[in-house]
N, C-alpha and C. Protein backbone atom coordinates (compact mmCIF):
# COMPACT_ATOMS: atom_id res chain seq x y z
N MET A 1 18.92 12.27 -10.78
CA MET A 1 17.96 11.55 -9.98
C MET A 1 17.11 12.50 -9.13
N ALA A 2 17.64 13.66 -8.81
CA ALA A 2 16.91 14.62 -7.99
C ALA A 2 15.64 15.09 -8.69
N ASP A 3 15.62 15.05 -10.02
CA ASP A 3 14.46 15.50 -10.78
C ASP A 3 13.46 14.38 -11.01
N ALA A 4 13.77 13.19 -10.59
CA ALA A 4 12.88 12.05 -10.81
C ALA A 4 11.57 12.23 -10.04
N GLU A 5 10.49 11.79 -10.67
CA GLU A 5 9.19 11.81 -10.00
C GLU A 5 9.21 10.80 -8.86
N PRO A 6 8.60 11.13 -7.76
CA PRO A 6 8.53 10.16 -6.66
C PRO A 6 7.66 8.97 -7.05
N VAL A 7 7.99 7.81 -6.51
CA VAL A 7 7.13 6.64 -6.71
C VAL A 7 5.95 6.77 -5.75
N LYS A 8 4.76 6.53 -6.27
CA LYS A 8 3.53 6.68 -5.49
C LYS A 8 3.05 5.30 -5.08
N ILE A 9 3.07 5.05 -3.77
CA ILE A 9 2.70 3.75 -3.23
C ILE A 9 1.38 3.86 -2.48
N LEU A 10 0.46 2.96 -2.82
CA LEU A 10 -0.83 2.87 -2.14
C LEU A 10 -0.82 1.61 -1.29
N PHE A 11 -0.92 1.77 0.02
CA PHE A 11 -0.98 0.65 0.96
C PHE A 11 -2.44 0.30 1.22
N ILE A 12 -2.76 -0.99 1.16
CA ILE A 12 -4.13 -1.45 1.31
C ILE A 12 -4.24 -2.50 2.41
N CYS A 13 -5.21 -2.30 3.30
CA CYS A 13 -5.60 -3.34 4.25
C CYS A 13 -7.13 -3.33 4.29
N SER A 14 -7.73 -3.87 5.32
CA SER A 14 -9.20 -3.94 5.36
C SER A 14 -9.84 -2.64 5.84
N GLN A 15 -9.50 -2.23 7.05
CA GLN A 15 -10.18 -1.11 7.69
C GLN A 15 -9.45 0.23 7.56
N ASN A 16 -8.22 0.22 7.07
CA ASN A 16 -7.40 1.42 6.98
C ASN A 16 -7.24 2.07 8.35
N ARG A 17 -7.01 1.23 9.36
CA ARG A 17 -6.82 1.73 10.72
C ARG A 17 -5.44 1.42 11.28
N LEU A 18 -4.85 0.29 10.90
CA LEU A 18 -3.61 -0.14 11.55
C LEU A 18 -2.48 -0.40 10.55
N ARG A 19 -2.62 -1.42 9.73
CA ARG A 19 -1.51 -1.82 8.86
C ARG A 19 -1.23 -0.83 7.74
N SER A 20 -2.23 -0.52 6.93
CA SER A 20 -1.96 0.37 5.80
C SER A 20 -1.61 1.80 6.24
N PRO A 21 -2.23 2.36 7.29
CA PRO A 21 -1.76 3.67 7.75
C PRO A 21 -0.33 3.63 8.28
N THR A 22 0.08 2.50 8.85
CA THR A 22 1.48 2.36 9.28
C THR A 22 2.39 2.41 8.06
N GLY A 23 2.04 1.68 7.01
CA GLY A 23 2.83 1.73 5.78
C GLY A 23 2.91 3.14 5.21
N GLU A 24 1.79 3.82 5.20
CA GLU A 24 1.76 5.20 4.70
C GLU A 24 2.68 6.09 5.52
N LYS A 25 2.59 6.01 6.84
CA LYS A 25 3.40 6.86 7.70
C LYS A 25 4.89 6.57 7.56
N VAL A 26 5.25 5.29 7.55
CA VAL A 26 6.66 4.89 7.46
C VAL A 26 7.25 5.34 6.13
N PHE A 27 6.55 5.07 5.04
CA PHE A 27 7.14 5.34 3.73
C PHE A 27 6.94 6.76 3.24
N SER A 28 6.08 7.53 3.89
CA SER A 28 5.98 8.96 3.58
C SER A 28 7.27 9.68 3.95
N GLY A 29 8.03 9.10 4.87
CA GLY A 29 9.29 9.70 5.30
C GLY A 29 10.49 9.28 4.48
N VAL A 30 10.26 8.48 3.43
CA VAL A 30 11.35 7.98 2.60
C VAL A 30 11.51 8.89 1.38
N ALA A 31 12.73 9.33 1.13
CA ALA A 31 13.00 10.20 -0.02
C ALA A 31 12.59 9.50 -1.31
N GLY A 32 11.93 10.24 -2.19
CA GLY A 32 11.54 9.69 -3.48
C GLY A 32 10.26 8.86 -3.44
N VAL A 33 9.55 8.92 -2.32
CA VAL A 33 8.32 8.14 -2.18
C VAL A 33 7.18 9.05 -1.72
N GLU A 34 6.02 8.89 -2.32
CA GLU A 34 4.78 9.46 -1.82
C GLU A 34 3.93 8.26 -1.44
N ALA A 35 3.24 8.34 -0.32
CA ALA A 35 2.46 7.20 0.14
C ALA A 35 1.06 7.62 0.55
N ARG A 36 0.12 6.73 0.30
CA ARG A 36 -1.27 6.86 0.74
C ARG A 36 -1.70 5.51 1.26
N SER A 37 -2.84 5.49 1.95
CA SER A 37 -3.39 4.22 2.39
C SER A 37 -4.90 4.24 2.25
N ALA A 38 -5.45 3.03 2.16
CA ALA A 38 -6.90 2.88 2.05
C ALA A 38 -7.27 1.48 2.49
N GLY A 39 -8.57 1.28 2.69
CA GLY A 39 -9.07 -0.02 3.09
C GLY A 39 -10.08 -0.55 2.10
N THR A 40 -10.23 -1.88 2.08
CA THR A 40 -11.18 -2.50 1.17
C THR A 40 -12.58 -2.60 1.74
N ALA A 41 -12.73 -2.46 3.04
CA ALA A 41 -14.05 -2.55 3.67
C ALA A 41 -14.86 -1.28 3.42
N ARG A 42 -16.15 -1.44 3.29
CA ARG A 42 -17.01 -0.28 3.04
C ARG A 42 -16.95 0.72 4.19
N ASP A 43 -16.72 0.24 5.41
CA ASP A 43 -16.67 1.12 6.57
C ASP A 43 -15.24 1.48 6.97
N ALA A 44 -14.30 1.33 6.06
CA ALA A 44 -12.91 1.69 6.32
C ALA A 44 -12.80 3.19 6.61
N VAL A 45 -11.77 3.57 7.35
CA VAL A 45 -11.52 4.99 7.61
C VAL A 45 -11.48 5.74 6.28
N HIS A 46 -10.73 5.22 5.33
CA HIS A 46 -10.74 5.72 3.95
C HIS A 46 -10.89 4.51 3.05
N ALA A 47 -12.09 4.32 2.51
CA ALA A 47 -12.32 3.20 1.59
C ALA A 47 -11.66 3.52 0.25
N VAL A 48 -10.99 2.52 -0.30
CA VAL A 48 -10.26 2.73 -1.55
C VAL A 48 -11.22 3.20 -2.65
N GLN A 49 -10.76 4.18 -3.40
CA GLN A 49 -11.53 4.80 -4.48
C GLN A 49 -10.75 4.67 -5.79
N MET A 50 -11.45 4.84 -6.88
CA MET A 50 -10.79 4.80 -8.19
C MET A 50 -9.67 5.83 -8.27
N GLU A 51 -9.87 6.98 -7.67
CA GLU A 51 -8.84 8.03 -7.66
C GLU A 51 -7.53 7.52 -7.03
N ASP A 52 -7.65 6.73 -5.95
CA ASP A 52 -6.46 6.17 -5.30
C ASP A 52 -5.73 5.22 -6.24
N ILE A 53 -6.49 4.38 -6.92
CA ILE A 53 -5.90 3.39 -7.84
C ILE A 53 -5.18 4.12 -8.98
N ARG A 54 -5.83 5.10 -9.55
CA ARG A 54 -5.22 5.85 -10.67
C ARG A 54 -3.96 6.58 -10.22
N TRP A 55 -3.98 7.09 -9.00
CA TRP A 55 -2.83 7.84 -8.46
C TRP A 55 -1.60 6.96 -8.31
N ALA A 56 -1.78 5.72 -7.91
CA ALA A 56 -0.68 4.84 -7.49
C ALA A 56 0.16 4.32 -8.65
N ASP A 57 1.47 4.28 -8.40
CA ASP A 57 2.38 3.56 -9.29
C ASP A 57 2.49 2.11 -8.86
N MET A 58 2.37 1.89 -7.56
CA MET A 58 2.51 0.57 -6.96
C MET A 58 1.47 0.42 -5.87
N ILE A 59 0.86 -0.75 -5.81
CA ILE A 59 -0.14 -1.04 -4.78
C ILE A 59 0.40 -2.17 -3.91
N ILE A 60 0.45 -1.91 -2.61
CA ILE A 60 0.94 -2.89 -1.64
C ILE A 60 -0.24 -3.36 -0.79
N CYS A 61 -0.61 -4.63 -0.95
CA CYS A 61 -1.72 -5.22 -0.20
C CYS A 61 -1.16 -6.02 0.97
N MET A 62 -1.81 -5.92 2.10
CA MET A 62 -1.36 -6.66 3.28
C MET A 62 -1.66 -8.15 3.15
N GLU A 63 -2.80 -8.52 2.54
CA GLU A 63 -3.19 -9.92 2.42
C GLU A 63 -3.76 -10.20 1.03
N ASP A 64 -3.80 -11.48 0.65
CA ASP A 64 -4.35 -11.88 -0.64
C ASP A 64 -5.78 -11.39 -0.83
N LYS A 65 -6.58 -11.41 0.25
CA LYS A 65 -7.98 -11.00 0.12
C LYS A 65 -8.11 -9.54 -0.33
N HIS A 66 -7.13 -8.72 0.01
CA HIS A 66 -7.18 -7.32 -0.41
C HIS A 66 -6.91 -7.20 -1.91
N ALA A 67 -5.95 -7.96 -2.40
CA ALA A 67 -5.66 -7.95 -3.84
C ALA A 67 -6.85 -8.50 -4.63
N ARG A 68 -7.47 -9.56 -4.10
CA ARG A 68 -8.65 -10.12 -4.78
C ARG A 68 -9.78 -9.09 -4.83
N ARG A 69 -9.98 -8.36 -3.74
CA ARG A 69 -11.04 -7.34 -3.70
C ARG A 69 -10.76 -6.24 -4.71
N LEU A 70 -9.50 -5.79 -4.79
CA LEU A 70 -9.16 -4.75 -5.77
C LEU A 70 -9.39 -5.23 -7.20
N ARG A 71 -9.00 -6.49 -7.47
CA ARG A 71 -9.20 -7.03 -8.82
C ARG A 71 -10.69 -7.17 -9.14
N ALA A 72 -11.50 -7.47 -8.15
CA ALA A 72 -12.94 -7.59 -8.37
C ALA A 72 -13.59 -6.22 -8.57
N ASP A 73 -13.20 -5.25 -7.77
CA ASP A 73 -13.85 -3.94 -7.80
C ASP A 73 -13.26 -2.97 -8.83
N PHE A 74 -11.98 -3.14 -9.15
CA PHE A 74 -11.28 -2.19 -10.04
C PHE A 74 -10.51 -2.94 -11.13
N ARG A 75 -11.14 -3.95 -11.71
CA ARG A 75 -10.47 -4.88 -12.64
C ARG A 75 -9.59 -4.18 -13.68
N GLN A 76 -10.16 -3.29 -14.45
CA GLN A 76 -9.38 -2.65 -15.51
C GLN A 76 -8.32 -1.71 -14.96
N ALA A 77 -8.65 -0.99 -13.90
CA ALA A 77 -7.72 -0.01 -13.35
C ALA A 77 -6.48 -0.65 -12.75
N VAL A 78 -6.61 -1.85 -12.19
CA VAL A 78 -5.44 -2.50 -11.58
C VAL A 78 -4.74 -3.48 -12.53
N ALA A 79 -5.30 -3.69 -13.70
CA ALA A 79 -4.76 -4.71 -14.62
C ALA A 79 -3.28 -4.52 -14.92
N PHE A 80 -2.83 -3.29 -15.03
CA PHE A 80 -1.44 -3.04 -15.39
C PHE A 80 -0.67 -2.32 -14.29
N LYS A 81 -1.20 -2.36 -13.08
CA LYS A 81 -0.51 -1.76 -11.93
C LYS A 81 0.42 -2.79 -11.30
N ARG A 82 1.53 -2.33 -10.77
CA ARG A 82 2.39 -3.21 -9.95
C ARG A 82 1.66 -3.43 -8.64
N MET A 83 1.30 -4.69 -8.37
CA MET A 83 0.61 -5.00 -7.13
C MET A 83 1.37 -6.12 -6.43
N HIS A 84 1.62 -5.91 -5.14
CA HIS A 84 2.35 -6.89 -4.33
C HIS A 84 1.54 -7.21 -3.09
N VAL A 85 1.55 -8.47 -2.71
CA VAL A 85 0.89 -8.92 -1.49
C VAL A 85 1.97 -9.29 -0.49
N LEU A 86 1.91 -8.70 0.70
CA LEU A 86 2.95 -8.92 1.70
C LEU A 86 2.67 -10.09 2.63
N GLY A 87 1.43 -10.50 2.76
CA GLY A 87 1.10 -11.59 3.67
C GLY A 87 1.23 -11.21 5.14
N ILE A 88 0.89 -9.98 5.46
CA ILE A 88 0.96 -9.50 6.85
C ILE A 88 -0.44 -9.58 7.46
N PRO A 89 -0.63 -10.46 8.44
CA PRO A 89 -1.96 -10.63 9.04
C PRO A 89 -2.36 -9.44 9.91
N ASP A 90 -3.62 -9.39 10.25
CA ASP A 90 -4.17 -8.30 11.05
C ASP A 90 -3.90 -8.56 12.54
N ASP A 91 -2.64 -8.64 12.89
CA ASP A 91 -2.22 -8.97 14.26
C ASP A 91 -1.42 -7.85 14.91
N PHE A 92 -1.42 -6.66 14.32
CA PHE A 92 -0.53 -5.59 14.78
C PHE A 92 -1.30 -4.33 15.10
N LYS A 93 -0.70 -3.53 15.96
CA LYS A 93 -1.21 -2.20 16.28
C LYS A 93 -0.55 -1.18 15.34
N PHE A 94 -1.15 0.01 15.25
CA PHE A 94 -0.59 1.08 14.46
C PHE A 94 0.82 1.40 14.93
N MET A 95 1.75 1.42 14.01
CA MET A 95 3.17 1.75 14.25
C MET A 95 3.86 0.79 15.23
N GLN A 96 3.31 -0.39 15.42
CA GLN A 96 3.98 -1.39 16.27
C GLN A 96 5.34 -1.70 15.64
N PRO A 97 6.40 -1.68 16.45
CA PRO A 97 7.75 -1.85 15.90
C PRO A 97 7.92 -3.10 15.03
N GLU A 98 7.28 -4.20 15.39
CA GLU A 98 7.39 -5.41 14.58
C GLU A 98 6.73 -5.23 13.21
N LEU A 99 5.63 -4.50 13.17
CA LEU A 99 4.96 -4.21 11.90
C LEU A 99 5.83 -3.30 11.04
N VAL A 100 6.40 -2.27 11.65
CA VAL A 100 7.28 -1.36 10.91
C VAL A 100 8.45 -2.15 10.32
N GLU A 101 9.03 -3.04 11.09
CA GLU A 101 10.16 -3.85 10.60
C GLU A 101 9.73 -4.74 9.44
N LEU A 102 8.59 -5.40 9.56
CA LEU A 102 8.09 -6.25 8.47
C LEU A 102 7.89 -5.44 7.20
N LEU A 103 7.29 -4.27 7.34
CA LEU A 103 7.05 -3.42 6.17
C LEU A 103 8.37 -2.97 5.53
N MET A 104 9.31 -2.55 6.36
CA MET A 104 10.61 -2.12 5.83
C MET A 104 11.30 -3.25 5.07
N GLN A 105 11.30 -4.44 5.65
CA GLN A 105 11.95 -5.59 5.02
C GLN A 105 11.28 -5.98 3.71
N ALA A 106 9.96 -5.87 3.65
CA ALA A 106 9.23 -6.31 2.46
C ALA A 106 9.18 -5.26 1.36
N VAL A 107 9.03 -4.00 1.72
CA VAL A 107 8.79 -2.96 0.72
C VAL A 107 10.09 -2.35 0.19
N THR A 108 11.09 -2.21 1.03
CA THR A 108 12.34 -1.58 0.58
C THR A 108 12.94 -2.25 -0.66
N PRO A 109 13.00 -3.59 -0.72
CA PRO A 109 13.53 -4.20 -1.95
C PRO A 109 12.68 -3.91 -3.19
N LEU A 110 11.40 -3.72 -3.02
CA LEU A 110 10.54 -3.39 -4.16
C LEU A 110 10.88 -2.02 -4.73
N LEU A 111 11.30 -1.12 -3.87
CA LEU A 111 11.66 0.23 -4.31
C LEU A 111 12.95 0.23 -5.12
N GLU A 112 13.82 -0.72 -4.83
CA GLU A 112 15.09 -0.80 -5.55
C GLU A 112 14.89 -1.25 -6.99
N ASN A 113 13.75 -1.86 -7.29
CA ASN A 113 13.48 -2.37 -8.62
C ASN A 113 12.61 -1.44 -9.46
N ILE A 114 12.40 -0.23 -8.96
CA ILE A 114 11.59 0.75 -9.70
C ILE A 114 12.47 1.37 -10.79
N GLU A 115 11.88 1.51 -11.95
CA GLU A 115 12.64 2.11 -13.08
C GLU A 115 12.77 3.59 -12.90
């Protein structure tokens, strides 16, 4: 297992300021995981690019609207990607303990199902 490639997770929210950077920071510290984050808004800190989609093994969207935007903008690229919607509203600050807990509870089980 030590030789296994890390799972690459792309966290997506709107502005890439609070929720998705929190996911990136939290899961970058997990063994066997590489994490990035991006936003769907044009003025996001880092707006999602095709390179991000291609890089990712798994895409974690905070809300349904983010998954819809990715499917609209990157239809073919996301067609066969593992994409999960967490349903986490834009009600949290960066690294807010409640947000970290929600992310841990939602994402950790997804990692257990990786081949």
